[in-house]
Amino acid sequence: MCRDRYDRVKAVQKTGESVRNTWHKTDWNKVAEDPATVKLPYEDWIHQFDAERHAEEVFDDILKRVTEPQVMDEAPLLPKEPEAVTVGG
């Protein structure tokens, strides 16, 4: 599961690209045989993410990062390398 906002947004945008590519290159004869070929990918980690809870969990850490320079130096706010995301089935 992606943990940083940057990672989540990037993964969701990649999902959108995959859906667009699937629909723009659809073989409607195959869809007639198997409608699941154009099924939208519903990733649980996207739809079950609780943004409010996450904000509450990270608030104190973020506040320290922006108000205490020594903490900012120790834990920069730059995003880490995102995890690989698999879209579709």
C-alpha atoms as a PDB file:
ATOM      1  CA  MET A   1       0.000   0.000   0.000  1.00  0.00           C
ATOM      2  CA  CYS A   2       1.233   3.486  -0.787  1.00  0.00           C
ATOM      3  CA  ARG A   3       1.611   5.608   2.323  1.00  0.00           C
ATOM      4  CA  ASP A   4       2.547   9.096   1.158  1.00  0.00           C
ATOM      5  CA  ARG A   5       0.066  11.397  -0.530  1.00  0.00           C
ATOM      6  CA  TYR A   6       2.437  11.743  -3.478  1.00  0.00           C
ATOM      7  CA  ASP A   7       2.528   7.959  -3.912  1.00  0.00           C
ATOM      8  CA  ARG A   8      -1.249   7.616  -3.643  1.00  0.00           C
ATOM      9  CA  VAL A   9      -1.968  10.377  -6.155  1.00  0.00           C
ATOM     10  CA  LYS A  10       0.565   9.006  -8.620  1.00  0.00           C
ATOM     11  CA  ALA A  11      -0.843   5.481  -8.328  1.00  0.00           C
ATOM     12  CA  VAL A  12      -4.431   6.669  -8.792  1.00  0.00           C
ATOM     13  CA  GLN A  13      -3.406   8.703 -11.843  1.00  0.00           C
ATOM     14  CA  LYS A  14      -1.699   5.620 -13.301  1.00  0.00           C
ATOM     15  CA  THR A  15      -4.937   3.713 -12.739  1.00  0.00           C
ATOM     16  CA  GLY A  16      -6.712   6.422 -14.752  1.00  0.00           C
ATOM     17  CA  GLU A  17      -4.212   6.040 -17.577  1.00  0.00           C
ATOM     18  CA  SER A  18      -4.748   2.298 -17.611  1.00  0.00           C
ATOM     19  CA  VAL A  19      -8.540   2.711 -17.753  1.00  0.00           C
ATOM     20  CA  ARG A  20      -8.230   5.247 -20.560  1.00  0.00           C
ATOM     21  CA  ASN A  21      -5.947   2.943 -22.539  1.00  0.00           C
ATOM     22  CA  THR A  22      -8.253  -0.018 -21.989  1.00  0.00           C
ATOM     23  CA  TRP A  23     -11.305   1.862 -23.188  1.00  0.00           C
ATOM     24  CA  HIS A  24      -9.609   3.550 -26.132  1.00  0.00           C
ATOM     25  CA  LYS A  25      -8.223   0.254 -27.394  1.00  0.00           C
ATOM     26  CA  THR A  26     -11.267  -1.874 -26.661  1.00  0.00           C
ATOM     27  CA  ASP A  27     -12.053  -4.847 -28.844  1.00  0.00           C
ATOM     28  CA  TRP A  28     -15.842  -4.779 -28.541  1.00  0.00           C
ATOM     29  CA  ASN A  29     -16.172  -8.299 -29.927  1.00  0.00           C
ATOM     30  CA  LYS A  30     -14.139  -9.566 -26.966  1.00  0.00           C
ATOM     31  CA  VAL A  31     -16.233  -7.460 -24.596  1.00  0.00           C
ATOM     32  CA  ALA A  32     -19.380  -9.097 -25.973  1.00  0.00           C
ATOM     33  CA  GLU A  33     -17.853 -12.471 -25.083  1.00  0.00           C
ATOM     34  CA  ASP A  34     -16.416 -11.361 -21.724  1.00  0.00           C
ATOM     35  CA  PRO A  35     -17.679  -8.046 -20.282  1.00  0.00           C
ATOM     36  CA  ALA A  36     -15.069  -8.229 -17.502  1.00  0.00           C
ATOM     37  CA  THR A  37     -12.415  -7.116 -20.002  1.00  0.00           C
ATOM     38  CA  VAL A  38     -13.546  -3.503 -19.538  1.00  0.00           C
ATOM     39  CA  LYS A  39     -14.183  -3.727 -15.805  1.00  0.00           C
ATOM     40  CA  LEU A  40     -12.861  -0.748 -13.845  1.00  0.00           C
ATOM     41  CA  PRO A  41     -10.013  -1.591 -11.491  1.00  0.00           C
ATOM     42  CA  TYR A  42     -11.224  -0.975  -7.946  1.00  0.00           C
ATOM     43  CA  GLU A  43      -8.193  -1.197  -5.738  1.00  0.00           C
ATOM     44  CA  ASP A  44      -9.208  -1.648  -2.084  1.00  0.00           C
ATOM     45  CA  TRP A  45      -6.343   0.500  -0.822  1.00  0.00           C
ATOM     46  CA  ILE A  46      -7.720   3.422  -2.883  1.00  0.00           C
ATOM     47  CA  HIS A  47     -11.380   3.109  -1.986  1.00  0.00           C
ATOM     48  CA  GLN A  48     -10.881   2.209   1.661  1.00  0.00           C
ATOM     49  CA  PHE A  49      -8.321   4.926   2.407  1.00  0.00           C
ATOM     50  CA  ASP A  50      -9.462   7.171   5.271  1.00  0.00           C
ATOM     51  CA  ALA A  51      -7.923  10.577   4.508  1.00  0.00           C
ATOM     52  CA  GLU A  52      -9.224  12.161   7.707  1.00  0.00           C
ATOM     53  CA  ARG A  53      -7.750   9.441   9.929  1.00  0.00           C
ATOM     54  CA  HIS A  54      -4.451   9.631   8.046  1.00  0.00           C
ATOM     55  CA  ALA A  55      -4.299  13.419   8.515  1.00  0.00           C
ATOM     56  CA  GLU A  56      -4.869  13.012  12.237  1.00  0.00           C
ATOM     57  CA  GLU A  57      -2.166  10.339  12.463  1.00  0.00           C
ATOM     58  CA  VAL A  58       0.532  12.407  10.730  1.00  0.00           C
ATOM     59  CA  PHE A  59      -0.434  15.882  11.949  1.00  0.00           C
ATOM     60  CA  ASP A  60       1.969  16.081  14.906  1.00  0.00           C
ATOM     61  CA  ASP A  61       4.911  14.858  12.832  1.00  0.00           C
ATOM     62  CA  ILE A  62       4.200  17.318  10.017  1.00  0.00           C
ATOM     63  CA  LEU A  63       3.765  20.182  12.492  1.00  0.00           C
ATOM     64  CA  LYS A  64       7.195  19.409  13.964  1.00  0.00           C
ATOM     65  CA  ARG A  65       8.742  19.266  10.509  1.00  0.00           C
ATOM     66  CA  VAL A  66       7.525  22.742   9.598  1.00  0.00           C
ATOM     67  CA  THR A  67       8.038  24.446  12.977  1.00  0.00           C
ATOM     68  CA  GLU A  68      11.306  22.923  14.217  1.00  0.00           C
ATOM     69  CA  PRO A  69      14.218  23.358  11.777  1.00  0.00           C
ATOM     70  CA  GLN A  70      16.290  20.526  13.283  1.00  0.00           C
ATOM     71  CA  VAL A  71      13.451  18.058  12.686  1.00  0.00           C
ATOM     72  CA  MET A  72      13.087  19.305   9.113  1.00  0.00           C
ATOM     73  CA  ASP A  73      16.775  18.571   8.509  1.00  0.00           C
ATOM     74  CA  GLU A  74      16.454  15.067   9.967  1.00  0.00           C
ATOM     75  CA  ALA A  75      13.254  14.097   8.146  1.00  0.00           C
ATOM     76  CA  PRO A  76      12.781  15.973   4.869  1.00  0.00           C
ATOM     77  CA  LEU A  77       9.327  16.087   3.323  1.00  0.00           C
ATOM     78  CA  LEU A  78      10.526  14.787  -0.025  1.00  0.00           C
ATOM     79  CA  PRO A  79       8.584  11.752  -1.214  1.00  0.00           C
ATOM     80  CA  LYS A  80      10.254   8.368  -1.054  1.00  0.00           C
ATOM     81  CA  GLU A  81      10.434   6.120  -4.097  1.00  0.00           C
ATOM     82  CA  PRO A  82       6.859   4.926  -4.761  1.00  0.00           C
ATOM     83  CA  GLU A  83       5.974   1.261  -4.571  1.00  0.00           C
ATOM     84  CA  ALA A  84       5.157  -0.594  -7.754  1.00  0.00           C
ATOM     85  CA  VAL A  85       1.476  -0.468  -8.541  1.00  0.00           C
ATOM     86  CA  THR A  86      -0.338  -3.189 -10.434  1.00  0.00           C
ATOM     87  CA  VAL A  87      -3.478  -2.098 -12.237  1.00  0.00           C
ATOM     88  CA  GLY A  88      -6.126  -4.425 -13.517  1.00  0.00           C
ATOM     89  CA  GLY A  89      -6.111  -8.180 -13.361  1.00  0.00           C
END
